[in-house]
Amino acid sequence: MTTWGLVVVVVAIAMNAMSGVLWVARPERVVKSIRQNLATIGVPESWTVFPIGTLKLAGAAGLLAGLLGVPAVGAIAAFGLILFWVCATFSHVRVGDWSAQFYATSCLYAPLSVGAFLAYVGWPY
């Protein structure tokens, strides 16, 4: 894995882990900020812990396992995160929601997951 690949994977781990912890811990400030967005895209608030927060944490853990010596698990986790973020992007597009969460999903988290996947499969960047 190249230095850039390592940087992308570490950033992807940090961002998905941070996001997952916030969704699982559900501090009131975070719940207030996402409640309206969840209602807009038609996702039940009960999904914040499972599956949303849990999948983000599992993805971050899988990426970390890839760095710690099991690159196949890292690649699978990155692919799973790609699927997660593509579905999240689709949820926003489906209802015409062009909020900040849409842009974070489609322009930040999804490309980071693609970059992490490419780092694990050996794409030379």
N, C-alpha and C. Protein backbone atom coordinates (compact mmCIF):
# COMPACT_ATOMS: atom_id res chain seq x y z
N MET A 1 0.85 -1.17 0.00
CA MET A 1 0.00 0.00 0.00
C MET A 1 0.90 1.24 0.00
N THR A 2 0.54 2.19 -0.85
CA THR A 2 1.33 3.42 -0.94
C THR A 2 1.03 4.33 0.25
N THR A 3 1.84 5.37 0.38
CA THR A 3 1.63 6.34 1.46
C THR A 3 0.27 7.02 1.32
N TRP A 4 -0.09 7.40 0.08
CA TRP A 4 -1.39 8.03 -0.13
C TRP A 4 -2.52 7.07 0.21
N GLY A 5 -2.35 5.81 -0.15
CA GLY A 5 -3.37 4.82 0.18
C GLY A 5 -3.54 4.69 1.68
N LEU A 6 -2.41 4.68 2.41
CA LEU A 6 -2.45 4.60 3.86
C LEU A 6 -3.17 5.81 4.46
N VAL A 7 -2.88 6.98 3.93
CA VAL A 7 -3.53 8.21 4.42
C VAL A 7 -5.04 8.12 4.19
N VAL A 8 -5.44 7.70 3.01
CA VAL A 8 -6.87 7.60 2.69
C VAL A 8 -7.55 6.60 3.62
N VAL A 9 -6.92 5.46 3.86
CA VAL A 9 -7.51 4.44 4.72
C VAL A 9 -7.62 4.95 6.15
N VAL A 10 -6.59 5.61 6.65
CA VAL A 10 -6.63 6.13 8.03
C VAL A 10 -7.72 7.19 8.18
N VAL A 11 -7.84 8.07 7.20
CA VAL A 11 -8.90 9.09 7.25
C VAL A 11 -10.27 8.43 7.17
N ALA A 12 -10.43 7.43 6.32
CA ALA A 12 -11.71 6.71 6.21
C ALA A 12 -12.06 6.02 7.53
N ILE A 13 -11.06 5.42 8.17
CA ILE A 13 -11.30 4.79 9.47
C ILE A 13 -11.77 5.83 10.47
N ALA A 14 -11.04 6.93 10.57
CA ALA A 14 -11.37 7.97 11.55
C ALA A 14 -12.76 8.54 11.33
N MET A 15 -13.08 8.85 10.08
CA MET A 15 -14.36 9.49 9.81
C MET A 15 -15.54 8.53 10.01
N ASN A 16 -15.41 7.30 9.56
CA ASN A 16 -16.50 6.34 9.75
C ASN A 16 -16.65 5.96 11.22
N ALA A 17 -15.53 5.82 11.93
CA ALA A 17 -15.61 5.49 13.36
C ALA A 17 -16.26 6.64 14.14
N MET A 18 -15.84 7.87 13.85
CA MET A 18 -16.42 9.03 14.54
C MET A 18 -17.92 9.12 14.26
N SER A 19 -18.29 8.98 13.00
CA SER A 19 -19.70 9.04 12.63
C SER A 19 -20.48 7.90 13.28
N GLY A 20 -19.93 6.71 13.26
CA GLY A 20 -20.61 5.56 13.87
C GLY A 20 -20.81 5.73 15.36
N VAL A 21 -19.79 6.22 16.04
CA VAL A 21 -19.90 6.44 17.49
C VAL A 21 -21.00 7.46 17.79
N LEU A 22 -21.04 8.53 17.01
CA LEU A 22 -22.07 9.55 17.23
C LEU A 22 -23.47 8.99 16.99
N TRP A 23 -23.62 8.14 15.98
CA TRP A 23 -24.93 7.58 15.69
C TRP A 23 -25.34 6.54 16.74
N VAL A 24 -24.38 5.81 17.28
CA VAL A 24 -24.71 4.80 18.30
C VAL A 24 -24.92 5.46 19.67
N ALA A 25 -24.07 6.42 20.02
CA ALA A 25 -24.18 7.09 21.33
C ALA A 25 -25.40 8.00 21.39
N ARG A 26 -25.80 8.56 20.26
CA ARG A 26 -26.98 9.41 20.14
C ARG A 26 -27.03 10.58 21.12
N PRO A 27 -25.97 11.40 21.19
CA PRO A 27 -26.09 12.59 22.03
C PRO A 27 -27.20 13.49 21.50
N GLU A 28 -27.89 14.17 22.40
CA GLU A 28 -29.07 14.95 22.03
C GLU A 28 -28.78 15.96 20.92
N ARG A 29 -27.61 16.58 20.95
CA ARG A 29 -27.25 17.55 19.92
C ARG A 29 -27.22 16.91 18.54
N VAL A 30 -26.70 15.70 18.46
CA VAL A 30 -26.65 14.99 17.17
C VAL A 30 -28.05 14.54 16.75
N VAL A 31 -28.82 14.03 17.69
CA VAL A 31 -30.17 13.56 17.37
C VAL A 31 -31.01 14.72 16.84
N LYS A 32 -30.90 15.88 17.47
CA LYS A 32 -31.66 17.04 17.00
C LYS A 32 -31.27 17.42 15.58
N SER A 33 -29.99 17.33 15.27
CA SER A 33 -29.54 17.76 13.94
C SER A 33 -29.92 16.77 12.85
N ILE A 34 -30.06 15.49 13.18
CA ILE A 34 -30.37 14.50 12.14
C ILE A 34 -31.84 14.14 12.08
N ARG A 35 -32.60 14.47 13.12
CA ARG A 35 -34.01 14.07 13.16
C ARG A 35 -34.78 14.55 11.93
N GLN A 36 -34.63 15.81 11.58
CA GLN A 36 -35.33 16.36 10.42
C GLN A 36 -34.85 15.70 9.12
N ASN A 37 -33.53 15.48 9.03
CA ASN A 37 -33.00 14.86 7.82
C ASN A 37 -33.51 13.43 7.65
N LEU A 38 -33.57 12.68 8.74
CA LEU A 38 -34.09 11.32 8.67
C LEU A 38 -35.54 11.31 8.20
N ALA A 39 -36.32 12.24 8.74
CA ALA A 39 -37.73 12.33 8.34
C ALA A 39 -37.85 12.69 6.86
N THR A 40 -36.99 13.57 6.39
CA THR A 40 -37.03 13.99 4.99
C THR A 40 -36.77 12.81 4.05
N ILE A 41 -35.80 11.98 4.38
CA ILE A 41 -35.45 10.89 3.47
C ILE A 41 -36.22 9.60 3.75
N GLY A 42 -37.06 9.62 4.79
CA GLY A 42 -37.91 8.47 5.07
C GLY A 42 -37.23 7.33 5.80
N VAL A 43 -36.24 7.65 6.63
CA VAL A 43 -35.55 6.63 7.41
C VAL A 43 -36.03 6.74 8.86
N PRO A 44 -36.49 5.65 9.46
CA PRO A 44 -36.95 5.71 10.84
C PRO A 44 -35.83 6.07 11.80
N GLU A 45 -36.15 6.86 12.80
CA GLU A 45 -35.14 7.25 13.79
C GLU A 45 -34.59 6.04 14.55
N SER A 46 -35.37 4.99 14.63
CA SER A 46 -34.92 3.78 15.32
C SER A 46 -33.74 3.12 14.62
N TRP A 47 -33.47 3.48 13.39
CA TRP A 47 -32.36 2.90 12.65
C TRP A 47 -31.02 3.56 12.97
N THR A 48 -30.98 4.56 13.82
CA THR A 48 -29.72 5.27 14.06
C THR A 48 -28.66 4.36 14.68
N VAL A 49 -29.06 3.50 15.62
CA VAL A 49 -28.09 2.60 16.24
C VAL A 49 -27.83 1.40 15.34
N PHE A 50 -28.90 0.71 14.98
CA PHE A 50 -28.78 -0.42 14.07
C PHE A 50 -29.83 -0.25 12.98
N PRO A 51 -29.44 -0.25 11.78
CA PRO A 51 -28.18 -0.66 11.18
C PRO A 51 -27.18 0.46 10.93
N ILE A 52 -27.57 1.74 10.96
CA ILE A 52 -26.70 2.80 10.47
C ILE A 52 -25.40 2.91 11.26
N GLY A 53 -25.50 3.18 12.56
CA GLY A 53 -24.29 3.34 13.37
C GLY A 53 -23.45 2.08 13.44
N THR A 54 -24.12 0.95 13.56
CA THR A 54 -23.40 -0.32 13.65
C THR A 54 -22.63 -0.63 12.37
N LEU A 55 -23.22 -0.37 11.23
CA LEU A 55 -22.53 -0.63 9.96
C LEU A 55 -21.33 0.29 9.78
N LYS A 56 -21.46 1.54 10.19
CA LYS A 56 -20.31 2.45 10.09
C LYS A 56 -19.17 1.97 10.98
N LEU A 57 -19.50 1.56 12.21
CA LEU A 57 -18.46 1.06 13.11
C LEU A 57 -17.84 -0.24 12.61
N ALA A 58 -18.66 -1.12 12.08
CA ALA A 58 -18.14 -2.38 11.53
C ALA A 58 -17.22 -2.12 10.35
N GLY A 59 -17.60 -1.16 9.50
CA GLY A 59 -16.74 -0.80 8.37
C GLY A 59 -15.40 -0.25 8.82
N ALA A 60 -15.44 0.65 9.82
CA ALA A 60 -14.19 1.21 10.34
C ALA A 60 -13.33 0.12 10.97
N ALA A 61 -13.95 -0.80 11.70
CA ALA A 61 -13.20 -1.90 12.31
C ALA A 61 -12.58 -2.80 11.24
N GLY A 62 -13.31 -3.06 10.17
CA GLY A 62 -12.78 -3.88 9.08
C GLY A 62 -11.62 -3.20 8.38
N LEU A 63 -11.73 -1.89 8.16
CA LEU A 63 -10.61 -1.15 7.56
C LEU A 63 -9.38 -1.23 8.46
N LEU A 64 -9.61 -1.10 9.76
CA LEU A 64 -8.49 -1.19 10.71
C LEU A 64 -7.88 -2.59 10.70
N ALA A 65 -8.71 -3.61 10.63
CA ALA A 65 -8.19 -4.99 10.55
C ALA A 65 -7.32 -5.16 9.31
N GLY A 66 -7.71 -4.49 8.23
CA GLY A 66 -6.90 -4.54 7.01
C GLY A 66 -5.53 -3.93 7.21
N LEU A 67 -5.48 -2.84 7.97
CA LEU A 67 -4.17 -2.22 8.25
C LEU A 67 -3.34 -3.06 9.19
N LEU A 68 -4.00 -3.82 10.06
CA LEU A 68 -3.28 -4.61 11.06
C LEU A 68 -2.87 -5.99 10.58
N GLY A 69 -3.01 -6.24 9.26
CA GLY A 69 -2.46 -7.48 8.73
C GLY A 69 -3.41 -8.39 7.99
N VAL A 70 -4.67 -8.02 7.84
CA VAL A 70 -5.60 -8.85 7.09
C VAL A 70 -6.19 -8.00 5.97
N PRO A 71 -5.41 -7.77 4.91
CA PRO A 71 -5.85 -6.85 3.86
C PRO A 71 -7.14 -7.28 3.16
N ALA A 72 -7.42 -8.59 3.12
CA ALA A 72 -8.66 -9.03 2.49
C ALA A 72 -9.88 -8.52 3.27
N VAL A 73 -9.78 -8.51 4.58
CA VAL A 73 -10.87 -7.98 5.41
C VAL A 73 -11.02 -6.48 5.17
N GLY A 74 -9.90 -5.78 5.04
CA GLY A 74 -9.95 -4.35 4.75
C GLY A 74 -10.63 -4.06 3.42
N ALA A 75 -10.32 -4.85 2.41
CA ALA A 75 -10.94 -4.66 1.09
C ALA A 75 -12.43 -4.94 1.15
N ILE A 76 -12.81 -6.00 1.86
CA ILE A 76 -14.23 -6.33 1.98
C ILE A 76 -14.97 -5.25 2.76
N ALA A 77 -14.35 -4.75 3.82
CA ALA A 77 -14.97 -3.68 4.60
C ALA A 77 -15.12 -2.41 3.77
N ALA A 78 -14.11 -2.08 2.99
CA ALA A 78 -14.18 -0.90 2.13
C ALA A 78 -15.29 -1.06 1.10
N PHE A 79 -15.42 -2.25 0.54
CA PHE A 79 -16.49 -2.50 -0.43
C PHE A 79 -17.86 -2.38 0.24
N GLY A 80 -17.97 -2.90 1.45
CA GLY A 80 -19.22 -2.77 2.20
C GLY A 80 -19.56 -1.31 2.48
N LEU A 81 -18.55 -0.51 2.81
CA LEU A 81 -18.79 0.92 3.03
C LEU A 81 -19.19 1.62 1.74
N ILE A 82 -18.61 1.21 0.63
CA ILE A 82 -19.03 1.77 -0.67
C ILE A 82 -20.52 1.51 -0.87
N LEU A 83 -20.95 0.28 -0.65
CA LEU A 83 -22.37 -0.05 -0.81
C LEU A 83 -23.23 0.76 0.15
N PHE A 84 -22.78 0.88 1.39
CA PHE A 84 -23.53 1.66 2.39
C PHE A 84 -23.71 3.10 1.93
N TRP A 85 -22.62 3.74 1.50
CA TRP A 85 -22.68 5.16 1.13
C TRP A 85 -23.41 5.37 -0.19
N VAL A 86 -23.34 4.41 -1.09
CA VAL A 86 -24.13 4.53 -2.32
C VAL A 86 -25.62 4.45 -1.98
N CYS A 87 -26.00 3.56 -1.10
CA CYS A 87 -27.40 3.47 -0.68
C CYS A 87 -27.84 4.74 0.05
N ALA A 88 -26.95 5.29 0.89
CA ALA A 88 -27.28 6.53 1.59
C ALA A 88 -27.46 7.67 0.60
N THR A 89 -26.59 7.74 -0.39
CA THR A 89 -26.72 8.78 -1.42
C THR A 89 -28.03 8.60 -2.17
N PHE A 90 -28.35 7.37 -2.53
CA PHE A 90 -29.60 7.11 -3.24
C PHE A 90 -30.81 7.52 -2.41
N SER A 91 -30.74 7.31 -1.09
CA SER A 91 -31.85 7.70 -0.22
C SER A 91 -32.12 9.20 -0.31
N HIS A 92 -31.07 9.99 -0.43
CA HIS A 92 -31.23 11.43 -0.55
C HIS A 92 -31.73 11.81 -1.96
N VAL A 93 -31.17 11.20 -2.97
CA VAL A 93 -31.55 11.52 -4.36
C VAL A 93 -33.00 11.13 -4.61
N ARG A 94 -33.41 10.01 -4.06
CA ARG A 94 -34.77 9.49 -4.26
C ARG A 94 -35.84 10.51 -3.89
N VAL A 95 -35.58 11.30 -2.84
CA VAL A 95 -36.59 12.27 -2.39
C VAL A 95 -36.20 13.71 -2.77
N GLY A 96 -35.13 13.87 -3.52
CA GLY A 96 -34.72 15.21 -3.93
C GLY A 96 -34.14 16.04 -2.81
N ASP A 97 -33.48 15.40 -1.86
CA ASP A 97 -32.88 16.11 -0.73
C ASP A 97 -31.43 16.47 -1.06
N TRP A 98 -31.17 17.75 -1.26
CA TRP A 98 -29.82 18.20 -1.61
C TRP A 98 -29.19 18.94 -0.43
N SER A 99 -29.41 18.43 0.77
CA SER A 99 -28.91 19.07 1.98
C SER A 99 -27.41 18.79 2.16
N ALA A 100 -26.86 19.34 3.21
CA ALA A 100 -25.44 19.13 3.51
C ALA A 100 -25.14 17.65 3.72
N GLN A 101 -26.09 16.91 4.29
CA GLN A 101 -25.87 15.47 4.51
C GLN A 101 -25.71 14.73 3.17
N PHE A 102 -26.46 15.16 2.16
CA PHE A 102 -26.31 14.55 0.83
C PHE A 102 -24.88 14.76 0.32
N TYR A 103 -24.39 15.98 0.44
CA TYR A 103 -23.05 16.27 -0.08
C TYR A 103 -21.96 15.59 0.74
N ALA A 104 -22.15 15.48 2.04
CA ALA A 104 -21.18 14.75 2.87
C ALA A 104 -21.14 13.28 2.46
N THR A 105 -22.31 12.72 2.22
CA THR A 105 -22.41 11.32 1.83
C THR A 105 -21.78 11.07 0.47
N SER A 106 -22.20 11.87 -0.51
CA SER A 106 -21.80 11.59 -1.89
C SER A 106 -20.44 12.15 -2.27
N CYS A 107 -20.00 13.20 -1.62
CA CYS A 107 -18.74 13.86 -2.01
C CYS A 107 -17.60 13.63 -1.03
N LEU A 108 -17.88 13.02 0.12
CA LEU A 108 -16.83 12.81 1.10
C LEU A 108 -16.72 11.33 1.50
N TYR A 109 -17.77 10.80 2.11
CA TYR A 109 -17.69 9.43 2.62
C TYR A 109 -17.60 8.39 1.51
N ALA A 110 -18.41 8.51 0.48
CA ALA A 110 -18.37 7.52 -0.61
C ALA A 110 -17.02 7.52 -1.32
N PRO A 111 -16.48 8.69 -1.72
CA PRO A 111 -15.15 8.67 -2.35
C PRO A 111 -14.04 8.17 -1.44
N LEU A 112 -14.13 8.46 -0.14
CA LEU A 112 -13.13 7.92 0.80
C LEU A 112 -13.18 6.40 0.83
N SER A 113 -14.38 5.85 0.78
CA SER A 113 -14.53 4.40 0.79
C SER A 113 -13.98 3.79 -0.50
N VAL A 114 -14.22 4.46 -1.62
CA VAL A 114 -13.66 3.99 -2.89
C VAL A 114 -12.13 4.04 -2.83
N GLY A 115 -11.60 5.13 -2.30
CA GLY A 115 -10.14 5.25 -2.17
C GLY A 115 -9.56 4.18 -1.28
N ALA A 116 -10.24 3.87 -0.18
CA ALA A 116 -9.75 2.81 0.72
C ALA A 116 -9.78 1.46 0.01
N PHE A 117 -10.85 1.21 -0.73
CA PHE A 117 -10.93 -0.05 -1.48
C PHE A 117 -9.78 -0.16 -2.47
N LEU A 118 -9.54 0.93 -3.21
CA LEU A 118 -8.45 0.91 -4.19
C LEU A 118 -7.10 0.73 -3.53
N ALA A 119 -6.93 1.29 -2.33
CA ALA A 119 -5.67 1.10 -1.60
C ALA A 119 -5.46 -0.36 -1.24
N TYR A 120 -6.52 -1.04 -0.84
CA TYR A 120 -6.39 -2.44 -0.45
C TYR A 120 -6.20 -3.39 -1.62
N VAL A 121 -6.79 -3.06 -2.77
CA VAL A 121 -6.63 -3.96 -3.92
C VAL A 121 -5.38 -3.65 -4.71
N GLY A 122 -4.63 -2.62 -4.31
CA GLY A 122 -3.35 -2.35 -4.94
C GLY A 122 -3.36 -1.39 -6.07
N TRP A 123 -4.41 -0.57 -6.19
CA TRP A 123 -4.44 0.46 -7.23
C TRP A 123 -3.30 1.42 -6.98
N PRO A 124 -2.47 1.70 -7.96
CA PRO A 124 -1.26 2.52 -7.73
C PRO A 124 -1.53 4.02 -7.71
N TYR A 125 -1.95 4.54 -6.59
CA TYR A 125 -2.08 5.99 -6.48
C TYR A 125 -1.31 6.48 -5.29
